[in-house]
Amino acid sequence: MSELRNNSDASRYEMDEQGQTSWADYRLQGERLYIDHVESPVALRGTGAAGRLMKALAQDAKDRGLKITPICGYAAAWLRRSPDYRDLVA
């Protein structure tokens, strides 16, 4: 597993595991991070890869003082289930 990458040119966070990349498409507007879509390759689904990506992404947002608006249903559900990051939801 690798560390979180912010690929700002593509407006997406990325994390590699087992030679494959999970990602989260985003838009940054001011102090708000909109998470439009989270996806893991088929081979990583069910392994928790998307959850690890979301945790790293949420921690990055917290460290940067950003609020998160989840557009993606998965991102919204993950944030609801994560008490350490629930306060980031705007």
PDB file of N, CA and C in Angstrom:
ATOM      1  N   MET A   1       0.845  -1.185   0.000  1.00  0.00           N
ATOM      2  CA  MET A   1       0.000   0.000   0.000  1.00  0.00           C
ATOM      3  C   MET A   1       0.883   1.238   0.000  1.00  0.00           C
ATOM      4  N   SER A   2       0.472   2.231  -0.736  1.00  0.00           N
ATOM      5  CA  SER A   2       1.248   3.469  -0.794  1.00  0.00           C
ATOM      6  C   SER A   2       0.540   4.560  -0.009  1.00  0.00           C
ATOM      7  N   GLU A   3       1.180   5.677   0.032  1.00  0.00           N
ATOM      8  CA  GLU A   3       0.586   6.837   0.677  1.00  0.00           C
ATOM      9  C   GLU A   3      -0.350   7.538  -0.296  1.00  0.00           C
ATOM     10  N   LEU A   4      -1.167   8.397   0.261  1.00  0.00           N
ATOM     11  CA  LEU A   4      -2.102   9.186  -0.525  1.00  0.00           C
ATOM     12  C   LEU A   4      -1.348  10.145  -1.431  1.00  0.00           C
ATOM     13  N   ARG A   5      -1.802  10.247  -2.680  1.00  0.00           N
ATOM     14  CA  ARG A   5      -1.293  11.235  -3.631  1.00  0.00           C
ATOM     15  C   ARG A   5      -2.430  12.177  -3.989  1.00  0.00           C
ATOM     16  N   ASN A   6      -2.139  13.462  -3.996  1.00  0.00           N
ATOM     17  CA  ASN A   6      -3.090  14.436  -4.494  1.00  0.00           C
ATOM     18  C   ASN A   6      -2.662  14.790  -5.907  1.00  0.00           C
ATOM     19  N   ASN A   7      -3.308  14.186  -6.881  1.00  0.00           N
ATOM     20  CA  ASN A   7      -3.014  14.457  -8.294  1.00  0.00           C
ATOM     21  C   ASN A   7      -3.859  15.670  -8.686  1.00  0.00           C
ATOM     22  N   SER A   8      -3.363  16.841  -8.366  1.00  0.00           N
ATOM     23  CA  SER A   8      -4.145  18.065  -8.584  1.00  0.00           C
ATOM     24  C   SER A   8      -4.382  18.355 -10.063  1.00  0.00           C
ATOM     25  N   ASP A   9      -3.495  17.896 -10.945  1.00  0.00           N
ATOM     26  CA  ASP A   9      -3.710  18.087 -12.384  1.00  0.00           C
ATOM     27  C   ASP A   9      -4.966  17.357 -12.855  1.00  0.00           C
ATOM     28  N   ALA A  10      -5.249  16.197 -12.273  1.00  0.00           N
ATOM     29  CA  ALA A  10      -6.433  15.405 -12.638  1.00  0.00           C
ATOM     30  C   ALA A  10      -7.584  15.628 -11.652  1.00  0.00           C
ATOM     31  N   SER A  11      -7.389  16.470 -10.638  1.00  0.00           N
ATOM     32  CA  SER A  11      -8.392  16.711  -9.592  1.00  0.00           C
ATOM     33  C   SER A  11      -8.855  15.409  -8.962  1.00  0.00           C
ATOM     34  N   ARG A  12      -7.873  14.617  -8.506  1.00  0.00           N
ATOM     35  CA  ARG A  12      -8.235  13.384  -7.831  1.00  0.00           C
ATOM     36  C   ARG A  12      -7.147  12.953  -6.862  1.00  0.00           C
ATOM     37  N   TYR A  13      -7.615  12.364  -5.783  1.00  0.00           N
ATOM     38  CA  TYR A  13      -6.725  11.704  -4.834  1.00  0.00           C
ATOM     39  C   TYR A  13      -6.532  10.280  -5.316  1.00  0.00           C
ATOM     40  N   GLU A  14      -5.337   9.741  -5.112  1.00  0.00           N
ATOM     41  CA  GLU A  14      -5.024   8.384  -5.569  1.00  0.00           C
ATOM     42  C   GLU A  14      -4.250   7.642  -4.485  1.00  0.00           C
ATOM     43  N   MET A  15      -4.454   6.326  -4.444  1.00  0.00           N
ATOM     44  CA  MET A  15      -3.701   5.472  -3.535  1.00  0.00           C
ATOM     45  C   MET A  15      -3.515   4.118  -4.209  1.00  0.00           C
ATOM     46  N   ASP A  16      -2.275   3.633  -4.211  1.00  0.00           N
ATOM     47  CA  ASP A  16      -1.959   2.362  -4.854  1.00  0.00           C
ATOM     48  C   ASP A  16      -1.917   1.231  -3.834  1.00  0.00           C
ATOM     49  N   GLU A  17      -2.434   0.094  -4.242  1.00  0.00           N
ATOM     50  CA  GLU A  17      -2.350  -1.142  -3.473  1.00  0.00           C
ATOM     51  C   GLU A  17      -2.280  -2.285  -4.472  1.00  0.00           C
ATOM     52  N   GLN A  18      -1.417  -3.238  -4.198  1.00  0.00           N
ATOM     53  CA  GLN A  18      -1.303  -4.431  -5.033  1.00  0.00           C
ATOM     54  C   GLN A  18      -1.159  -4.083  -6.521  1.00  0.00           C
ATOM     55  N   GLY A  19      -0.442  -3.006  -6.803  1.00  0.00           N
ATOM     56  CA  GLY A  19      -0.198  -2.611  -8.181  1.00  0.00           C
ATOM     57  C   GLY A  19      -1.376  -1.968  -8.887  1.00  0.00           C
ATOM     58  N   GLN A  20      -2.433  -1.630  -8.133  1.00  0.00           N
ATOM     59  CA  GLN A  20      -3.613  -0.996  -8.723  1.00  0.00           C
ATOM     60  C   GLN A  20      -3.941   0.278  -7.960  1.00  0.00           C
ATOM     61  N   THR A  21      -4.667   1.159  -8.604  1.00  0.00           N
ATOM     62  CA  THR A  21      -4.936   2.483  -8.029  1.00  0.00           C
ATOM     63  C   THR A  21      -6.411   2.697  -7.750  1.00  0.00           C
ATOM     64  N   SER A  22      -6.714   3.058  -6.506  1.00  0.00           N
ATOM     65  CA  SER A  22      -8.050   3.547  -6.132  1.00  0.00           C
ATOM     66  C   SER A  22      -7.990   5.065  -6.212  1.00  0.00           C
ATOM     67  N   TRP A  23      -9.125   5.693  -6.479  1.00  0.00           N
ATOM     68  CA  TRP A  23      -9.110   7.148  -6.618  1.00  0.00           C
ATOM     69  C   TRP A  23     -10.415   7.776  -6.164  1.00  0.00           C
ATOM     70  N   ALA A  24     -10.317   9.081  -5.914  1.00  0.00           N
ATOM     71  CA  ALA A  24     -11.477   9.898  -5.559  1.00  0.00           C
ATOM     72  C   ALA A  24     -11.383  11.187  -6.365  1.00  0.00           C
ATOM     73  N   ASP A  25     -12.343  11.404  -7.243  1.00  0.00           N
ATOM     74  CA  ASP A  25     -12.412  12.654  -8.003  1.00  0.00           C
ATOM     75  C   ASP A  25     -12.952  13.745  -7.089  1.00  0.00           C
ATOM     76  N   TYR A  26     -12.380  14.926  -7.183  1.00  0.00           N
ATOM     77  CA  TYR A  26     -12.810  16.021  -6.316  1.00  0.00           C
ATOM     78  C   TYR A  26     -12.791  17.353  -7.038  1.00  0.00           C
ATOM     79  N   ARG A  27     -13.454  18.316  -6.399  1.00  0.00           N
ATOM     80  CA  ARG A  27     -13.374  19.733  -6.794  1.00  0.00           C
ATOM     81  C   ARG A  27     -13.071  20.507  -5.525  1.00  0.00           C
ATOM     82  N   LEU A  28     -12.132  21.412  -5.591  1.00  0.00           N
ATOM     83  CA  LEU A  28     -11.799  22.265  -4.458  1.00  0.00           C
ATOM     84  C   LEU A  28     -12.288  23.667  -4.762  1.00  0.00           C
ATOM     85  N   GLN A  29     -13.184  24.162  -3.917  1.00  0.00           N
ATOM     86  CA  GLN A  29     -13.700  25.520  -4.078  1.00  0.00           C
ATOM     87  C   GLN A  29     -13.555  26.224  -2.735  1.00  0.00           C
ATOM     88  N   GLY A  30     -12.597  27.132  -2.678  1.00  0.00           N
ATOM     89  CA  GLY A  30     -12.318  27.824  -1.426  1.00  0.00           C
ATOM     90  C   GLY A  30     -11.838  26.831  -0.376  1.00  0.00           C
ATOM     91  N   GLU A  31     -12.549  26.781   0.743  1.00  0.00           N
ATOM     92  CA  GLU A  31     -12.201  25.888   1.842  1.00  0.00           C
ATOM     93  C   GLU A  31     -13.058  24.625   1.835  1.00  0.00           C
ATOM     94  N   ARG A  32     -13.714  24.357   0.721  1.00  0.00           N
ATOM     95  CA  ARG A  32     -14.597  23.197   0.622  1.00  0.00           C
ATOM     96  C   ARG A  32     -14.111  22.222  -0.437  1.00  0.00           C
ATOM     97  N   LEU A  33     -14.035  20.942  -0.039  1.00  0.00           N
ATOM     98  CA  LEU A  33     -13.618  19.869  -0.922  1.00  0.00           C
ATOM     99  C   LEU A  33     -14.845  19.031  -1.263  1.00  0.00           C
ATOM    100  N   TYR A  34     -15.249  19.065  -2.524  1.00  0.00           N
ATOM    101  CA  TYR A  34     -16.378  18.272  -3.000  1.00  0.00           C
ATOM    102  C   TYR A  34     -15.846  16.937  -3.497  1.00  0.00           C
ATOM    103  N   ILE A  35     -16.321  15.832  -2.934  1.00  0.00           N
ATOM    104  CA  ILE A  35     -15.910  14.502  -3.377  1.00  0.00           C
ATOM    105  C   ILE A  35     -16.994  14.000  -4.328  1.00  0.00           C
ATOM    106  N   ASP A  36     -16.665  13.989  -5.616  1.00  0.00           N
ATOM    107  CA  ASP A  36     -17.639  13.640  -6.645  1.00  0.00           C
ATOM    108  C   ASP A  36     -17.781  12.139  -6.870  1.00  0.00           C
ATOM    109  N   HIS A  37     -16.685  11.402  -6.726  1.00  0.00           N
ATOM    110  CA  HIS A  37     -16.737   9.971  -7.059  1.00  0.00           C
ATOM    111  C   HIS A  37     -15.550   9.264  -6.409  1.00  0.00           C
ATOM    112  N   VAL A  38     -15.806   8.115  -5.801  1.00  0.00           N
ATOM    113  CA  VAL A  38     -14.751   7.270  -5.229  1.00  0.00           C
ATOM    114  C   VAL A  38     -14.842   5.914  -5.912  1.00  0.00           C
ATOM    115  N   GLU A  39     -13.688   5.387  -6.327  1.00  0.00           N
ATOM    116  CA  GLU A  39     -13.709   4.087  -7.006  1.00  0.00           C
ATOM    117  C   GLU A  39     -12.428   3.320  -6.750  1.00  0.00           C
ATOM    118  N   SER A  40     -12.581   2.004  -6.655  1.00  0.00           N
ATOM    119  CA  SER A  40     -11.452   1.078  -6.584  1.00  0.00           C
ATOM    120  C   SER A  40     -11.566   0.106  -7.746  1.00  0.00           C
ATOM    121  N   PRO A  41     -10.431  -0.364  -8.264  1.00  0.00           N
ATOM    122  CA  PRO A  41     -10.482  -1.383  -9.314  1.00  0.00           C
ATOM    123  C   PRO A  41     -11.195  -2.640  -8.797  1.00  0.00           C
ATOM    124  N   VAL A  42     -11.766  -3.395  -9.699  1.00  0.00           N
ATOM    125  CA  VAL A  42     -12.525  -4.600  -9.337  1.00  0.00           C
ATOM    126  C   VAL A  42     -11.710  -5.509  -8.418  1.00  0.00           C
ATOM    127  N   ALA A  43     -10.441  -5.684  -8.707  1.00  0.00           N
ATOM    128  CA  ALA A  43      -9.596  -6.589  -7.913  1.00  0.00           C
ATOM    129  C   ALA A  43      -9.449  -6.143  -6.463  1.00  0.00           C
ATOM    130  N   LEU A  44      -9.652  -4.858  -6.185  1.00  0.00           N
ATOM    131  CA  LEU A  44      -9.516  -4.340  -4.823  1.00  0.00           C
ATOM    132  C   LEU A  44     -10.839  -4.198  -4.094  1.00  0.00           C
ATOM    133  N   ARG A  45     -11.945  -4.386  -4.785  1.00  0.00           N
ATOM    134  CA  ARG A  45     -13.251  -4.224  -4.140  1.00  0.00           C
ATOM    135  C   ARG A  45     -13.444  -5.300  -3.080  1.00  0.00           C
ATOM    136  N   GLY A  46     -13.965  -4.878  -1.947  1.00  0.00           N
ATOM    137  CA  GLY A  46     -14.177  -5.791  -0.838  1.00  0.00           C
ATOM    138  C   GLY A  46     -12.960  -5.951   0.058  1.00  0.00           C
ATOM    139  N   THR A  47     -11.863  -5.266  -0.271  1.00  0.00           N
ATOM    140  CA  THR A  47     -10.637  -5.383   0.535  1.00  0.00           C
ATOM    141  C   THR A  47     -10.475  -4.226   1.518  1.00  0.00           C
ATOM    142  N   GLY A  48     -11.350  -3.228   1.437  1.00  0.00           N
ATOM    143  CA  GLY A  48     -11.226  -2.048   2.286  1.00  0.00           C
ATOM    144  C   GLY A  48     -10.382  -0.951   1.670  1.00  0.00           C
ATOM    145  N   ALA A  49      -9.981  -1.129   0.414  1.00  0.00           N
ATOM    146  CA  ALA A  49      -9.117  -0.143  -0.246  1.00  0.00           C
ATOM    147  C   ALA A  49      -9.783   1.233  -0.322  1.00  0.00           C
ATOM    148  N   ALA A  50     -11.056   1.272  -0.681  1.00  0.00           N
ATOM    149  CA  ALA A  50     -11.750   2.565  -0.788  1.00  0.00           C
ATOM    150  C   ALA A  50     -11.856   3.232   0.581  1.00  0.00           C
ATOM    151  N   GLY A  51     -12.064   2.443   1.610  1.00  0.00           N
ATOM    152  CA  GLY A  51     -12.124   2.988   2.966  1.00  0.00           C
ATOM    153  C   GLY A  51     -10.790   3.562   3.411  1.00  0.00           C
ATOM    154  N   ARG A  52      -9.703   2.879   3.085  1.00  0.00           N
ATOM    155  CA  ARG A  52      -8.371   3.401   3.420  1.00  0.00           C
ATOM    156  C   ARG A  52      -8.093   4.692   2.654  1.00  0.00           C
ATOM    157  N   LEU A  53      -8.536   4.748   1.398  1.00  0.00           N
ATOM    158  CA  LEU A  53      -8.401   5.975   0.613  1.00  0.00           C
ATOM    159  C   LEU A  53      -9.184   7.106   1.271  1.00  0.00           C
ATOM    160  N   MET A  54     -10.417   6.823   1.653  1.00  0.00           N
ATOM    161  CA  MET A  54     -11.251   7.859   2.281  1.00  0.00           C
ATOM    162  C   MET A  54     -10.652   8.342   3.598  1.00  0.00           C
ATOM    163  N   LYS A  55     -10.102   7.421   4.390  1.00  0.00           N
ATOM    164  CA  LYS A  55      -9.490   7.831   5.656  1.00  0.00           C
ATOM    165  C   LYS A  55      -8.312   8.761   5.414  1.00  0.00           C
ATOM    166  N   ALA A  56      -7.458   8.420   4.459  1.00  0.00           N
ATOM    167  CA  ALA A  56      -6.301   9.265   4.143  1.00  0.00           C
ATOM    168  C   ALA A  56      -6.746  10.612   3.581  1.00  0.00           C
ATOM    169  N   LEU A  57      -7.745  10.584   2.708  1.00  0.00           N
ATOM    170  CA  LEU A  57      -8.280  11.803   2.111  1.00  0.00           C
ATOM    171  C   LEU A  57      -8.881  12.707   3.196  1.00  0.00           C
ATOM    172  N   ALA A  58      -9.664  12.124   4.091  1.00  0.00           N
ATOM    173  CA  ALA A  58     -10.297  12.901   5.163  1.00  0.00           C
ATOM    174  C   ALA A  58      -9.246  13.499   6.095  1.00  0.00           C
ATOM    175  N   GLN A  59      -8.214  12.731   6.393  1.00  0.00           N
ATOM    176  CA  GLN A  59      -7.156  13.263   7.258  1.00  0.00           C
ATOM    177  C   GLN A  59      -6.430  14.410   6.575  1.00  0.00           C
ATOM    178  N   ASP A  60      -6.199  14.295   5.268  1.00  0.00           N
ATOM    179  CA  ASP A  60      -5.568  15.384   4.522  1.00  0.00           C
ATOM    180  C   ASP A  60      -6.435  16.639   4.573  1.00  0.00           C
ATOM    181  N   ALA A  61      -7.741  16.462   4.373  1.00  0.00           N
ATOM    182  CA  ALA A  61      -8.661  17.607   4.438  1.00  0.00           C
ATOM    183  C   ALA A  61      -8.622  18.247   5.829  1.00  0.00           C
ATOM    184  N   LYS A  62      -8.635  17.413   6.851  1.00  0.00           N
ATOM    185  CA  LYS A  62      -8.596  17.914   8.228  1.00  0.00           C
ATOM    186  C   LYS A  62      -7.304  18.693   8.474  1.00  0.00           C
ATOM    187  N   ASP A  63      -6.184  18.128   8.057  1.00  0.00           N
ATOM    188  CA  ASP A  63      -4.892  18.788   8.235  1.00  0.00           C
ATOM    189  C   ASP A  63      -4.829  20.125   7.506  1.00  0.00           C
ATOM    190  N   ARG A  64      -5.536  20.237   6.404  1.00  0.00           N
ATOM    191  CA  ARG A  64      -5.539  21.471   5.600  1.00  0.00           C
ATOM    192  C   ARG A  64      -6.651  22.436   5.993  1.00  0.00           C
ATOM    193  N   GLY A  65      -7.466  22.075   6.975  1.00  0.00           N
ATOM    194  CA  GLY A  65      -8.543  22.947   7.426  1.00  0.00           C
ATOM    195  C   GLY A  65      -9.703  23.035   6.454  1.00  0.00           C
ATOM    196  N   LEU A  66      -9.913  21.975   5.665  1.00  0.00           N
ATOM    197  CA  LEU A  66     -10.990  21.970   4.676  1.00  0.00           C
ATOM    198  C   LEU A  66     -12.227  21.273   5.216  1.00  0.00           C
ATOM    199  N   LYS A  67     -13.376  21.652   4.701  1.00  0.00           N
ATOM    200  CA  LYS A  67     -14.632  20.945   4.938  1.00  0.00           C
ATOM    201  C   LYS A  67     -14.904  20.084   3.711  1.00  0.00           C
ATOM    202  N   ILE A  68     -15.622  18.983   3.907  1.00  0.00           N
ATOM    203  CA  ILE A  68     -15.910  18.059   2.813  1.00  0.00           C
ATOM    204  C   ILE A  68     -17.404  18.045   2.520  1.00  0.00           C
ATOM    205  N   THR A  69     -17.744  18.157   1.256  1.00  0.00           N
ATOM    206  CA  THR A  69     -19.114  17.955   0.800  1.00  0.00           C
ATOM    207  C   THR A  69     -19.106  16.717  -0.081  1.00  0.00           C
ATOM    208  N   PRO A  70     -19.627  15.602   0.455  1.00  0.00           N
ATOM    209  CA  PRO A  70     -19.620  14.373  -0.336  1.00  0.00           C
ATOM    210  C   PRO A  70     -20.776  14.340  -1.327  1.00  0.00           C
ATOM    211  N   ILE A  71     -20.481  14.289  -2.595  1.00  0.00           N
ATOM    212  CA  ILE A  71     -21.483  14.122  -3.645  1.00  0.00           C
ATOM    213  C   ILE A  71     -21.685  12.622  -3.883  1.00  0.00           C
ATOM    214  N   CYS A  72     -20.591  11.890  -3.838  1.00  0.00           N
ATOM    215  CA  CYS A  72     -20.592  10.440  -4.008  1.00  0.00           C
ATOM    216  C   CYS A  72     -21.280   9.762  -2.816  1.00  0.00           C
ATOM    217  N   GLY A  73     -22.174   8.824  -3.107  1.00  0.00           N
ATOM    218  CA  GLY A  73     -22.883   8.099  -2.057  1.00  0.00           C
ATOM    219  C   GLY A  73     -21.948   7.326  -1.144  1.00  0.00           C
ATOM    220  N   TYR A  74     -20.906   6.721  -1.700  1.00  0.00           N
ATOM    221  CA  TYR A  74     -19.955   5.981  -0.880  1.00  0.00           C
ATOM    222  C   TYR A  74     -19.236   6.926   0.084  1.00  0.00           C
ATOM    223  N   ALA A  75     -18.775   8.062  -0.420  1.00  0.00           N
ATOM    224  CA  ALA A  75     -18.072   9.031   0.434  1.00  0.00           C
ATOM    225  C   ALA A  75     -18.985   9.527   1.550  1.00  0.00           C
ATOM    226  N   ALA A  76     -20.246   9.797   1.231  1.00  0.00           N
ATOM    227  CA  ALA A  76     -21.198  10.259   2.245  1.00  0.00           C
ATOM    228  C   ALA A  76     -21.404   9.196   3.318  1.00  0.00           C
ATOM    229  N   ALA A  77     -21.584   7.949   2.907  1.00  0.00           N
ATOM    230  CA  ALA A  77     -21.794   6.856   3.863  1.00  0.00           C
ATOM    231  C   ALA A  77     -20.550   6.644   4.718  1.00  0.00           C
ATOM    232  N   TRP A  78     -19.385   6.695   4.110  1.00  0.00           N
ATOM    233  CA  TRP A  78     -18.146   6.499   4.861  1.00  0.00           C
ATOM    234  C   TRP A  78     -17.997   7.586   5.923  1.00  0.00           C
ATOM    235  N   LEU A  79     -18.248   8.829   5.555  1.00  0.00           N
ATOM    236  CA  LEU A  79     -18.128   9.931   6.512  1.00  0.00           C
ATOM    237  C   LEU A  79     -19.142   9.810   7.646  1.00  0.00           C
ATOM    238  N   ARG A  80     -20.363   9.363   7.338  1.00  0.00           N
ATOM    239  CA  ARG A  80     -21.368   9.160   8.391  1.00  0.00           C
ATOM    240  C   ARG A  80     -20.919   8.096   9.394  1.00  0.00           C
ATOM    241  N   ARG A  81     -20.217   7.072   8.915  1.00  0.00           N
ATOM    242  CA  ARG A  81     -19.771   5.970   9.776  1.00  0.00           C
ATOM    243  C   ARG A  81     -18.455   6.267  10.497  1.00  0.00           C
ATOM    244  N   SER A  82     -17.851   7.394  10.256  1.00  0.00           N
ATOM    245  CA  SER A  82     -16.512   7.685  10.765  1.00  0.00           C
ATOM    246  C   SER A  82     -16.535   8.845  11.754  1.00  0.00           C
ATOM    247  N   PRO A  83     -16.675   8.549  13.032  1.00  0.00           N
ATOM    248  CA  PRO A  83     -16.801   9.620  14.022  1.00  0.00           C
ATOM    249  C   PRO A  83     -15.611  10.583  14.060  1.00  0.00           C
ATOM    250  N   ASP A  84     -14.426  10.112  13.705  1.00  0.00           N
ATOM    251  CA  ASP A  84     -13.259  10.994  13.736  1.00  0.00           C
ATOM    252  C   ASP A  84     -13.283  12.062  12.642  1.00  0.00           C
ATOM    253  N   TYR A  85     -14.128  11.851  11.622  1.00  0.00           N
ATOM    254  CA  TYR A  85     -14.134  12.782  10.489  1.00  0.00           C
ATOM    255  C   TYR A  85     -15.511  13.360  10.193  1.00  0.00           C
ATOM    256  N   ARG A  86     -16.517  12.949  10.924  1.00  0.00           N
ATOM    257  CA  ARG A  86     -17.893  13.419  10.693  1.00  0.00           C
ATOM    258  C   ARG A  86     -17.999  14.938  10.750  1.00  0.00           C
ATOM    259  N   ASP A  87     -17.192  15.560  11.598  1.00  0.00           N
ATOM    260  CA  ASP A  87     -17.252  17.012  11.755  1.00  0.00           C
ATOM    261  C   ASP A  87     -16.743  17.778  10.540  1.00  0.00           C
ATOM    262  N   LEU A  88     -16.144  17.076   9.586  1.00  0.00           N
ATOM    263  CA  LEU A  88     -15.651  17.730   8.372  1.00  0.00           C
ATOM    264  C   LEU A  88     -16.760  17.967   7.347  1.00  0.00           C
ATOM    265  N   VAL A  89     -17.886  17.290   7.514  1.00  0.00           N
ATOM    266  CA  VAL A  89     -18.959  17.358   6.518  1.00  0.00           C
ATOM    267  C   VAL A  89     -19.609  18.742   6.549  1.00  0.00           C
ATOM    268  N   ALA A  90     -19.668  19.335   5.360  1.00  0.00           N
ATOM    269  CA  ALA A  90     -20.302  20.656   5.230  1.00  0.00           C
ATOM    270  C   ALA A  90     -21.415  20.559   4.208  1.00  0.00           C
TER     271      ALA A  90
END
